[in-house]
């Protein structure tokens, strides 16, 4: 049975997981900084993402506490291979969110950490979602929409739209980029569509640290 969490209150369990992740990321950052996050076959910065390097410098100190595992990329770039379906079932790319900072999250109903962080993502969208920022949670369950839709309804998610990819193509494309190792996967993408940081694993997205990170990313 799923226990409903009070929106707006960061999960203590997720905070504990984030704290452990913060310790792990300290060691992982050594590899990431040398090889480059997502350096599967050589990460190349997009020419149109040059300005995003300034944003990376701004948000790097904000990746702490509950979001300490959020690691900045060395070379901001566009993720042109990311495609999934919107709430209306039509294909969507990151270009559809131009002008918005996006927190892109991949999740599945069979992923326990994904299930536990979903109320926090919902709370973040409810409080900070605007014409400048959006949480885009993409479900990758196979089959139809019934199971993920029922899960979101069961736990009271009312601010997140249901984005879907039942082919798991979006996960595989991020895996090839060296960005996805398991679920959940969360990417922070600026308003020009440039990847600036990434995380594998859950986080308390309704925490003060998470909100500070998003404010830094949106310049608000």
C-alpha atoms as a PDB file:
ATOM      1  CA  UNK A   1       0.000   0.000   0.000  1.00  0.00           C
ATOM      2  CA  UNK A   2       1.309   3.457  -0.897  1.00  0.00           C
ATOM      3  CA  UNK A   3       1.554   5.936   1.939  1.00  0.00           C
ATOM      4  CA  UNK A   4       0.516   9.411   0.909  1.00  0.00           C
ATOM      5  CA  UNK A   5       3.032  12.098   1.836  1.00  0.00           C
ATOM      6  CA  UNK A   6       2.123  15.660   2.672  1.00  0.00           C
ATOM      7  CA  UNK A   7       3.085  17.804  -0.295  1.00  0.00           C
ATOM      8  CA  UNK A   8       5.529  20.549   0.536  1.00  0.00           C
ATOM      9  CA  UNK A   9       7.267  18.504   3.232  1.00  0.00           C
ATOM     10  CA  UNK A  10      10.466  16.835   2.052  1.00  0.00           C
ATOM     11  CA  UNK A  11      10.509  13.102   2.669  1.00  0.00           C
ATOM     12  CA  UNK A  12      12.896  12.209   5.489  1.00  0.00           C
ATOM     13  CA  UNK A  13      13.744   8.984   3.676  1.00  0.00           C
ATOM     14  CA  UNK A  14      14.580  10.850   0.491  1.00  0.00           C
ATOM     15  CA  UNK A  15      16.688  13.344   2.437  1.00  0.00           C
ATOM     16  CA  UNK A  16      18.622  10.442   3.950  1.00  0.00           C
ATOM     17  CA  UNK A  17      19.137   8.945   0.487  1.00  0.00           C
ATOM     18  CA  UNK A  18      20.265  12.327  -0.808  1.00  0.00           C
ATOM     19  CA  UNK A  19      22.730  12.670   2.045  1.00  0.00           C
ATOM     20  CA  UNK A  20      24.279   9.324   1.154  1.00  0.00           C
ATOM     21  CA  UNK A  21      24.289  10.318  -2.502  1.00  0.00           C
ATOM     22  CA  UNK A  22      26.123  13.489  -1.540  1.00  0.00           C
ATOM     23  CA  UNK A  23      28.929  11.401  -0.071  1.00  0.00           C
ATOM     24  CA  UNK A  24      29.034   9.139  -3.106  1.00  0.00           C
ATOM     25  CA  UNK A  25      29.032  12.046  -5.529  1.00  0.00           C
ATOM     26  CA  UNK A  26      32.136  13.429  -3.883  1.00  0.00           C
ATOM     27  CA  UNK A  27      34.040  10.423  -5.134  1.00  0.00           C
ATOM     28  CA  UNK A  28      32.145  10.209  -8.413  1.00  0.00           C
ATOM     29  CA  UNK A  29      32.866  13.854  -9.182  1.00  0.00           C
ATOM     30  CA  UNK A  30      36.560  13.030  -9.590  1.00  0.00           C
ATOM     31  CA  UNK A  31      35.756  10.762 -12.519  1.00  0.00           C
ATOM     32  CA  UNK A  32      33.054  13.056 -13.843  1.00  0.00           C
ATOM     33  CA  UNK A  33      35.276  16.122 -13.881  1.00  0.00           C
ATOM     34  CA  UNK A  34      38.070  14.224 -15.624  1.00  0.00           C
ATOM     35  CA  UNK A  35      35.953  12.359 -18.134  1.00  0.00           C
ATOM     36  CA  UNK A  36      32.971  14.704 -18.384  1.00  0.00           C
ATOM     37  CA  UNK A  37      29.432  13.776 -17.310  1.00  0.00           C
ATOM     38  CA  UNK A  38      27.832  11.945 -20.179  1.00  0.00           C
ATOM     39  CA  UNK A  39      31.150  11.358 -21.886  1.00  0.00           C
ATOM     40  CA  UNK A  40      30.115   8.197 -23.729  1.00  0.00           C
ATOM     41  CA  UNK A  41      32.154   8.411 -26.878  1.00  0.00           C
ATOM     42  CA  UNK A  42      33.151  12.014 -26.190  1.00  0.00           C
ATOM     43  CA  UNK A  43      30.880  14.809 -25.029  1.00  0.00           C
ATOM     44  CA  UNK A  44      30.861  17.843 -27.289  1.00  0.00           C
ATOM     45  CA  UNK A  45      29.439  21.209 -26.316  1.00  0.00           C
ATOM     46  CA  UNK A  46      26.786  22.613 -28.645  1.00  0.00           C
ATOM     47  CA  UNK A  47      27.810  25.951 -30.147  1.00  0.00           C
ATOM     48  CA  UNK A  48      24.467  27.418 -29.123  1.00  0.00           C
ATOM     49  CA  UNK A  49      25.090  26.334 -25.527  1.00  0.00           C
ATOM     50  CA  UNK A  50      28.267  28.349 -24.963  1.00  0.00           C
ATOM     51  CA  UNK A  51      26.440  30.826 -22.718  1.00  0.00           C
ATOM     52  CA  UNK A  52      25.202  27.955 -20.545  1.00  0.00           C
ATOM     53  CA  UNK A  53      28.706  27.608 -19.103  1.00  0.00           C
ATOM     54  CA  UNK A  54      28.019  30.718 -17.022  1.00  0.00           C
ATOM     55  CA  UNK A  55      24.849  29.113 -15.698  1.00  0.00           C
ATOM     56  CA  UNK A  56      26.785  25.956 -14.806  1.00  0.00           C
ATOM     57  CA  UNK A  57      29.148  28.057 -12.699  1.00  0.00           C
ATOM     58  CA  UNK A  58      26.181  29.729 -10.998  1.00  0.00           C
ATOM     59  CA  UNK A  59      24.344  26.558 -10.025  1.00  0.00           C
ATOM     60  CA  UNK A  60      27.293  24.327  -9.143  1.00  0.00           C
ATOM     61  CA  UNK A  61      27.581  25.695  -5.569  1.00  0.00           C
ATOM     62  CA  UNK A  62      23.823  25.183  -5.154  1.00  0.00           C
ATOM     63  CA  UNK A  63      24.065  21.412  -5.663  1.00  0.00           C
ATOM     64  CA  UNK A  64      24.252  20.515  -1.986  1.00  0.00           C
ATOM     65  CA  UNK A  65      22.239  18.867   0.756  1.00  0.00           C
ATOM     66  CA  UNK A  66      19.223  17.077  -0.700  1.00  0.00           C
ATOM     67  CA  UNK A  67      20.453  17.716  -4.260  1.00  0.00           C
ATOM     68  CA  UNK A  68      24.174  17.144  -3.678  1.00  0.00           C
ATOM     69  CA  UNK A  69      24.180  14.350  -6.279  1.00  0.00           C
ATOM     70  CA  UNK A  70      23.217  16.812  -9.033  1.00  0.00           C
ATOM     71  CA  UNK A  71      26.448  17.076 -11.033  1.00  0.00           C
ATOM     72  CA  UNK A  72      27.183  19.852 -13.509  1.00  0.00           C
ATOM     73  CA  UNK A  73      28.210  18.877 -17.031  1.00  0.00           C
ATOM     74  CA  UNK A  74      31.550  20.074 -18.364  1.00  0.00           C
ATOM     75  CA  UNK A  75      30.180  20.802 -21.822  1.00  0.00           C
ATOM     76  CA  UNK A  76      26.548  22.015 -21.962  1.00  0.00           C
ATOM     77  CA  UNK A  77      24.823  20.697 -25.054  1.00  0.00           C
ATOM     78  CA  UNK A  78      21.476  20.036 -26.724  1.00  0.00           C
ATOM     79  CA  UNK A  79      19.953  16.572 -26.383  1.00  0.00           C
ATOM     80  CA  UNK A  80      18.469  16.249 -29.840  1.00  0.00           C
ATOM     81  CA  UNK A  81      17.751  12.521 -29.538  1.00  0.00           C
ATOM     82  CA  UNK A  82      15.338  12.898 -26.603  1.00  0.00           C
ATOM     83  CA  UNK A  83      11.800  12.214 -27.830  1.00  0.00           C
ATOM     84  CA  UNK A  84       8.716  11.142 -25.854  1.00  0.00           C
ATOM     85  CA  UNK A  85       4.938  11.561 -25.989  1.00  0.00           C
ATOM     86  CA  UNK A  86       3.063  14.494 -24.520  1.00  0.00           C
ATOM     87  CA  UNK A  87      -0.193  14.279 -22.531  1.00  0.00           C
ATOM     88  CA  UNK A  88      -2.062  14.302 -25.847  1.00  0.00           C
ATOM     89  CA  UNK A  89      -0.057  11.311 -27.101  1.00  0.00           C
ATOM     90  CA  UNK A  90       1.833  13.326 -29.722  1.00  0.00           C
ATOM     91  CA  UNK A  91       5.657  13.264 -29.979  1.00  0.00           C
ATOM     92  CA  UNK A  92       7.498  15.897 -27.950  1.00  0.00           C
ATOM     93  CA  UNK A  93      11.140  17.009 -27.988  1.00  0.00           C
ATOM     94  CA  UNK A  94      12.945  19.408 -25.663  1.00  0.00           C
ATOM     95  CA  UNK A  95      12.450  22.100 -28.309  1.00  0.00           C
ATOM     96  CA  UNK A  96       8.782  22.130 -27.297  1.00  0.00           C
ATOM     97  CA  UNK A  97       9.833  23.668 -23.958  1.00  0.00           C
ATOM     98  CA  UNK A  98      11.934  26.494 -25.424  1.00  0.00           C
ATOM     99  CA  UNK A  99      11.928  29.487 -23.083  1.00  0.00           C
ATOM    100  CA  UNK A 100      11.493  27.312 -19.981  1.00  0.00           C
ATOM    101  CA  UNK A 101      14.012  25.786 -17.627  1.00  0.00           C
ATOM    102  CA  UNK A 102      13.072  22.098 -17.444  1.00  0.00           C
ATOM    103  CA  UNK A 103      13.665  19.484 -14.774  1.00  0.00           C
ATOM    104  CA  UNK A 104      13.367  16.312 -16.866  1.00  0.00           C
ATOM    105  CA  UNK A 105      12.735  13.190 -14.788  1.00  0.00           C
ATOM    106  CA  UNK A 106      12.474   9.596 -16.054  1.00  0.00           C
ATOM    107  CA  UNK A 107      10.473   7.242 -13.849  1.00  0.00           C
ATOM    108  CA  UNK A 108       8.504   3.989 -13.809  1.00  0.00           C
ATOM    109  CA  UNK A 109       5.833   2.539 -11.549  1.00  0.00           C
ATOM    110  CA  UNK A 110       8.038  -0.516 -10.843  1.00  0.00           C
ATOM    111  CA  UNK A 111      10.879   1.724  -9.612  1.00  0.00           C
ATOM    112  CA  UNK A 112      10.508   2.142  -5.827  1.00  0.00           C
ATOM    113  CA  UNK A 113      12.725   5.260  -5.503  1.00  0.00           C
ATOM    114  CA  UNK A 114      10.794   6.820  -8.403  1.00  0.00           C
ATOM    115  CA  UNK A 115       7.509   6.220  -6.620  1.00  0.00           C
ATOM    116  CA  UNK A 116       8.858   7.726  -3.410  1.00  0.00           C
ATOM    117  CA  UNK A 117      10.120  10.954  -5.017  1.00  0.00           C
ATOM    118  CA  UNK A 118       7.054  11.594  -7.188  1.00  0.00           C
ATOM    119  CA  UNK A 119       5.103  13.532  -4.506  1.00  0.00           C
ATOM    120  CA  UNK A 120       8.143  15.783  -4.042  1.00  0.00           C
ATOM    121  CA  UNK A 121       8.356  16.456  -7.785  1.00  0.00           C
ATOM    122  CA  UNK A 122       4.656  17.230  -7.764  1.00  0.00           C
ATOM    123  CA  UNK A 123       5.136  19.665  -4.884  1.00  0.00           C
ATOM    124  CA  UNK A 124       8.015  21.380  -6.690  1.00  0.00           C
ATOM    125  CA  UNK A 125       5.904  21.847  -9.816  1.00  0.00           C
ATOM    126  CA  UNK A 126       2.963  23.069  -7.762  1.00  0.00           C
ATOM    127  CA  UNK A 127       5.052  25.716  -6.009  1.00  0.00           C
ATOM    128  CA  UNK A 128       7.513  26.754  -8.726  1.00  0.00           C
ATOM    129  CA  UNK A 129       5.944  25.746 -12.033  1.00  0.00           C
ATOM    130  CA  UNK A 130       5.486  28.790 -14.261  1.00  0.00           C
ATOM    131  CA  UNK A 131       6.139  30.148 -17.735  1.00  0.00           C
ATOM    132  CA  UNK A 132       9.832  30.002 -16.744  1.00  0.00           C
ATOM    133  CA  UNK A 133      10.039  26.532 -15.194  1.00  0.00           C
ATOM    134  CA  UNK A 134       8.429  23.101 -15.533  1.00  0.00           C
ATOM    135  CA  UNK A 135       8.917  19.635 -14.101  1.00  0.00           C
ATOM    136  CA  UNK A 136       8.574  17.177 -16.976  1.00  0.00           C
ATOM    137  CA  UNK A 137       8.216  13.664 -15.559  1.00  0.00           C
ATOM    138  CA  UNK A 138       8.382  11.020 -18.291  1.00  0.00           C
ATOM    139  CA  UNK A 139       7.034   7.582 -17.431  1.00  0.00           C
ATOM    140  CA  UNK A 140       8.721   4.666 -19.228  1.00  0.00           C
ATOM    141  CA  UNK A 141       6.409   1.782 -18.280  1.00  0.00           C
ATOM    142  CA  UNK A 142       5.695  -0.530 -21.201  1.00  0.00           C
ATOM    143  CA  UNK A 143       2.076  -1.031 -22.217  1.00  0.00           C
ATOM    144  CA  UNK A 144      -0.671   1.594 -22.143  1.00  0.00           C
ATOM    145  CA  UNK A 145      -1.201   4.625 -19.906  1.00  0.00           C
ATOM    146  CA  UNK A 146      -3.541   2.929 -17.412  1.00  0.00           C
ATOM    147  CA  UNK A 147      -1.022   1.860 -14.759  1.00  0.00           C
ATOM    148  CA  UNK A 148       1.011   5.099 -14.512  1.00  0.00           C
ATOM    149  CA  UNK A 149      -2.133   7.213 -14.647  1.00  0.00           C
ATOM    150  CA  UNK A 150      -3.723   5.164 -11.852  1.00  0.00           C
ATOM    151  CA  UNK A 151      -0.565   5.458  -9.725  1.00  0.00           C
ATOM    152  CA  UNK A 152      -0.424   9.238 -10.054  1.00  0.00           C
ATOM    153  CA  UNK A 153      -4.101   9.477  -9.171  1.00  0.00           C
ATOM    154  CA  UNK A 154      -3.637   7.164  -6.176  1.00  0.00           C
ATOM    155  CA  UNK A 155      -0.911   9.300  -4.590  1.00  0.00           C
ATOM    156  CA  UNK A 156      -2.673  12.575  -5.326  1.00  0.00           C
ATOM    157  CA  UNK A 157      -0.391  13.985  -8.014  1.00  0.00           C
ATOM    158  CA  UNK A 158      -2.287  16.964  -9.377  1.00  0.00           C
ATOM    159  CA  UNK A 159       0.333  19.282 -10.861  1.00  0.00           C
ATOM    160  CA  UNK A 160       2.394  16.988 -13.091  1.00  0.00           C
ATOM    161  CA  UNK A 161       1.275  16.139 -16.592  1.00  0.00           C
ATOM    162  CA  UNK A 162       1.647  12.558 -17.783  1.00  0.00           C
ATOM    163  CA  UNK A 163       4.450  12.345 -20.330  1.00  0.00           C
ATOM    164  CA  UNK A 164       5.137   8.844 -21.665  1.00  0.00           C
ATOM    165  CA  UNK A 165       7.552   6.662 -23.592  1.00  0.00           C
ATOM    166  CA  UNK A 166       6.493   3.025 -23.524  1.00  0.00           C
ATOM    167  CA  UNK A 167       9.298   2.121 -25.949  1.00  0.00           C
ATOM    168  CA  UNK A 168      11.958   3.109 -23.335  1.00  0.00           C
ATOM    169  CA  UNK A 169      13.695   4.875 -26.223  1.00  0.00           C
ATOM    170  CA  UNK A 170      14.260   8.053 -24.224  1.00  0.00           C
ATOM    171  CA  UNK A 171      16.068   6.105 -21.487  1.00  0.00           C
ATOM    172  CA  UNK A 172      18.207   4.267 -24.025  1.00  0.00           C
ATOM    173  CA  UNK A 173      19.164   7.506 -25.773  1.00  0.00           C
ATOM    174  CA  UNK A 174      20.295   9.005 -22.449  1.00  0.00           C
ATOM    175  CA  UNK A 175      22.141   5.788 -21.658  1.00  0.00           C
ATOM    176  CA  UNK A 176      24.096   6.139 -24.904  1.00  0.00           C
ATOM    177  CA  UNK A 177      24.900   9.713 -23.871  1.00  0.00           C
ATOM    178  CA  UNK A 178      26.334   8.357 -20.612  1.00  0.00           C
ATOM    179  CA  UNK A 179      23.626  10.092 -18.583  1.00  0.00           C
ATOM    180  CA  UNK A 180      21.366   7.235 -17.499  1.00  0.00           C
ATOM    181  CA  UNK A 181      22.523   4.270 -15.422  1.00  0.00           C
ATOM    182  CA  UNK A 182      19.222   3.367 -13.749  1.00  0.00           C
ATOM    183  CA  UNK A 183      16.042   5.006 -12.493  1.00  0.00           C
ATOM    184  CA  UNK A 184      15.167   7.659 -11.599  1.00  0.00           C
ATOM    185  CA  UNK A 185      17.213   9.914 -13.874  1.00  0.00           C
ATOM    186  CA  UNK A 186      16.888  13.694 -13.575  1.00  0.00           C
ATOM    187  CA  UNK A 187      18.328  16.305 -15.932  1.00  0.00           C
ATOM    188  CA  UNK A 188      18.325  20.080 -15.539  1.00  0.00           C
ATOM    189  CA  UNK A 189      17.955  21.833 -18.890  1.00  0.00           C
ATOM    190  CA  UNK A 190      18.123  25.598 -19.336  1.00  0.00           C
ATOM    191  CA  UNK A 191      15.674  27.807 -21.216  1.00  0.00           C
ATOM    192  CA  UNK A 192      17.694  27.415 -24.422  1.00  0.00           C
ATOM    193  CA  UNK A 193      17.392  23.617 -24.246  1.00  0.00           C
ATOM    194  CA  UNK A 194      20.964  23.067 -23.046  1.00  0.00           C
ATOM    195  CA  UNK A 195      21.786  20.326 -20.543  1.00  0.00           C
ATOM    196  CA  UNK A 196      23.535  21.853 -17.517  1.00  0.00           C
ATOM    197  CA  UNK A 197      23.430  19.147 -14.822  1.00  0.00           C
ATOM    198  CA  UNK A 198      22.284  15.584 -14.200  1.00  0.00           C
ATOM    199  CA  UNK A 199      21.568  13.095 -11.446  1.00  0.00           C
ATOM    200  CA  UNK A 200      20.973   9.357 -11.192  1.00  0.00           C
ATOM    201  CA  UNK A 201      18.913   8.418  -8.147  1.00  0.00           C
ATOM    202  CA  UNK A 202      16.130  10.079  -6.109  1.00  0.00           C
ATOM    203  CA  UNK A 203      16.131  13.424  -4.335  1.00  0.00           C
ATOM    204  CA  UNK A 204      13.858  15.432  -2.039  1.00  0.00           C
ATOM    205  CA  UNK A 205      12.735  17.845  -4.739  1.00  0.00           C
ATOM    206  CA  UNK A 206      10.471  19.692  -2.321  1.00  0.00           C
ATOM    207  CA  UNK A 207      13.452  20.597  -0.079  1.00  0.00           C
ATOM    208  CA  UNK A 208      14.855  24.091   0.395  1.00  0.00           C
ATOM    209  CA  UNK A 209      18.075  23.054  -1.389  1.00  0.00           C
ATOM    210  CA  UNK A 210      16.148  21.861  -4.442  1.00  0.00           C
ATOM    211  CA  UNK A 211      14.154  25.094  -4.611  1.00  0.00           C
ATOM    212  CA  UNK A 212      17.337  27.154  -4.293  1.00  0.00           C
ATOM    213  CA  UNK A 213      18.859  25.177  -7.180  1.00  0.00           C
ATOM    214  CA  UNK A 214      15.851  25.844  -9.383  1.00  0.00           C
ATOM    215  CA  UNK A 215      15.817  29.538  -8.464  1.00  0.00           C
ATOM    216  CA  UNK A 216      19.468  29.725  -9.411  1.00  0.00           C
ATOM    217  CA  UNK A 217      18.807  27.984 -12.712  1.00  0.00           C
ATOM    218  CA  UNK A 218      15.904  30.257 -13.621  1.00  0.00           C
ATOM    219  CA  UNK A 219      17.538  33.444 -12.352  1.00  0.00           C
ATOM    220  CA  UNK A 220      14.580  34.151 -10.090  1.00  0.00           C
END
